[in-house]
Amino acid sequence: MMNEVYEEIERSLKGGVPVALATISETRGSTPRKTGARMVVKPDGSFFGTIGGGCGEAEVWAEAKEVIETGVPRLVTVDLTNPMDGEDKICGGLMDVWVERLNP
């Protein structure tokens, strides 16, 4: 899975396309993925890799799209402690995800 992320970063940057790289920098409690998990998001919204799926991943995906546009990195805290819409936030933990733009 991680090779897919790095291969997509290389393809995109060689093609002149900036991407956002989202990396789990810290976890607390039960989370679907652990520190170091990565996801790359392209300007067209496609993505490779995973940081856990569900609403948390969708939240980071939206932040990554903004980071591509602005170039301003950010730390996104994903709260998986309270089920909101459905049952996909039942892990019970928190994830800090560092999101940064990589330029060609």
Protein backbone atom coordinates (compact mmCIF):
# COMPACT_ATOMS: atom_id res chain seq x y z
CA MET A 1 0.00 0.00 0.00
CA MET A 2 2.76 2.46 0.92
CA ASN A 3 4.54 1.86 -2.40
CA GLU A 4 1.34 2.90 -4.20
CA VAL A 5 1.42 6.22 -2.35
CA TYR A 6 5.05 6.92 -3.20
CA GLU A 7 4.62 5.81 -6.81
CA GLU A 8 1.65 8.16 -7.22
CA ILE A 9 3.59 11.05 -5.68
CA GLU A 10 6.43 10.43 -8.13
CA ARG A 11 4.07 10.16 -11.15
CA SER A 12 2.19 13.32 -10.21
CA LEU A 13 5.24 15.45 -9.49
CA LYS A 14 7.01 14.28 -12.67
CA GLY A 15 3.82 15.22 -14.54
CA GLY A 16 3.82 18.71 -13.04
CA VAL A 17 0.85 18.08 -10.73
CA PRO A 18 1.06 19.14 -7.05
CA VAL A 19 -0.39 16.75 -4.48
CA ALA A 20 -1.26 16.80 -0.80
CA LEU A 21 0.34 14.22 1.45
CA ALA A 22 -1.60 13.34 4.61
CA THR A 23 0.39 11.48 7.28
CA ILE A 24 -0.89 10.29 10.63
CA SER A 25 1.53 11.93 13.07
CA GLU A 26 -0.02 10.75 16.35
CA THR A 27 -2.85 8.56 17.57
CA ARG A 28 -4.56 8.30 20.93
CA GLY A 29 -6.91 5.47 21.80
CA SER A 30 -8.26 3.03 19.24
CA THR A 31 -7.84 4.15 15.60
CA PRO A 32 -8.17 2.26 12.31
CA ARG A 33 -4.59 3.10 11.25
CA LYS A 34 -1.49 3.98 13.24
CA THR A 35 1.23 6.62 13.14
CA GLY A 36 2.94 6.80 9.76
CA ALA A 37 -0.05 5.76 7.62
CA ARG A 38 -0.28 7.96 4.53
CA MET A 39 -2.70 9.06 1.87
CA VAL A 40 -1.96 11.23 -1.17
CA VAL A 41 -4.68 13.44 -2.65
CA LYS A 42 -4.56 14.90 -6.16
CA PRO A 43 -6.19 18.15 -7.34
CA ASP A 44 -8.89 16.19 -9.20
CA GLY A 45 -9.94 14.58 -5.91
CA SER A 46 -8.54 11.13 -6.61
CA PHE A 47 -6.47 9.63 -3.81
CA PHE A 48 -4.14 6.75 -3.09
CA GLY A 49 -3.44 5.01 0.20
CA THR A 50 -5.59 5.32 3.30
CA ILE A 51 -5.57 6.76 6.78
CA GLY A 52 -8.55 4.70 7.88
CA GLY A 53 -11.59 5.29 5.71
CA GLY A 54 -15.01 6.62 6.66
CA CYS A 55 -15.87 10.11 7.83
CA GLY A 56 -12.41 10.74 9.28
CA GLU A 57 -10.71 10.08 5.98
CA ALA A 58 -13.30 12.21 4.17
CA GLU A 59 -12.58 15.08 6.57
CA VAL A 60 -8.84 14.86 5.88
CA TRP A 61 -9.50 14.54 2.12
CA ALA A 62 -11.43 17.86 2.18
CA GLU A 63 -8.63 19.54 4.14
CA ALA A 64 -6.08 18.13 1.69
CA LYS A 65 -7.95 19.69 -1.24
CA GLU A 66 -7.67 23.08 0.51
CA VAL A 67 -3.97 22.54 1.20
CA ILE A 68 -3.39 21.88 -2.52
CA GLU A 69 -5.10 25.19 -3.33
CA THR A 70 -3.48 27.34 -0.64
CA GLY A 71 -0.14 25.64 -0.12
CA VAL A 72 -0.53 26.16 3.63
CA PRO A 73 0.10 22.94 5.58
CA ARG A 74 -2.04 22.10 8.57
CA LEU A 75 -2.54 19.63 11.37
CA VAL A 76 -6.00 18.04 11.30
CA THR A 77 -7.29 16.30 14.42
CA VAL A 78 -9.80 13.58 13.59
CA ASP A 79 -12.09 12.67 16.48
CA LEU A 80 -13.30 9.08 16.24
CA THR A 81 -14.83 8.97 19.71
CA ASN A 82 -18.47 9.79 19.01
CA PRO A 83 -20.58 8.11 16.32
CA MET A 84 -22.28 10.89 14.37
CA ASP A 85 -23.76 9.85 11.04
CA GLY A 86 -23.81 6.08 11.03
CA GLU A 87 -21.44 3.73 12.73
CA ASP A 88 -18.09 4.51 11.09
CA LYS A 89 -16.73 6.62 13.97
CA ILE A 90 -16.85 3.94 16.64
CA CYS A 91 -13.10 3.39 17.03
CA GLY A 92 -12.92 5.56 20.12
CA GLY A 93 -9.65 7.37 19.45
CA LEU A 94 -8.13 10.54 18.06
CA MET A 95 -5.73 10.94 15.13
CA ASP A 96 -3.53 13.92 14.34
CA VAL A 97 -2.90 14.08 10.62
CA TRP A 98 -0.26 16.38 9.10
CA VAL A 99 -1.33 17.55 5.63
CA GLU A 100 1.20 19.23 3.33
CA ARG A 101 1.45 20.14 -0.34
CA LEU A 102 4.22 18.62 -2.43
CA ASN A 103 5.13 20.69 -5.48
CA PRO A 104 6.61 19.51 -8.78
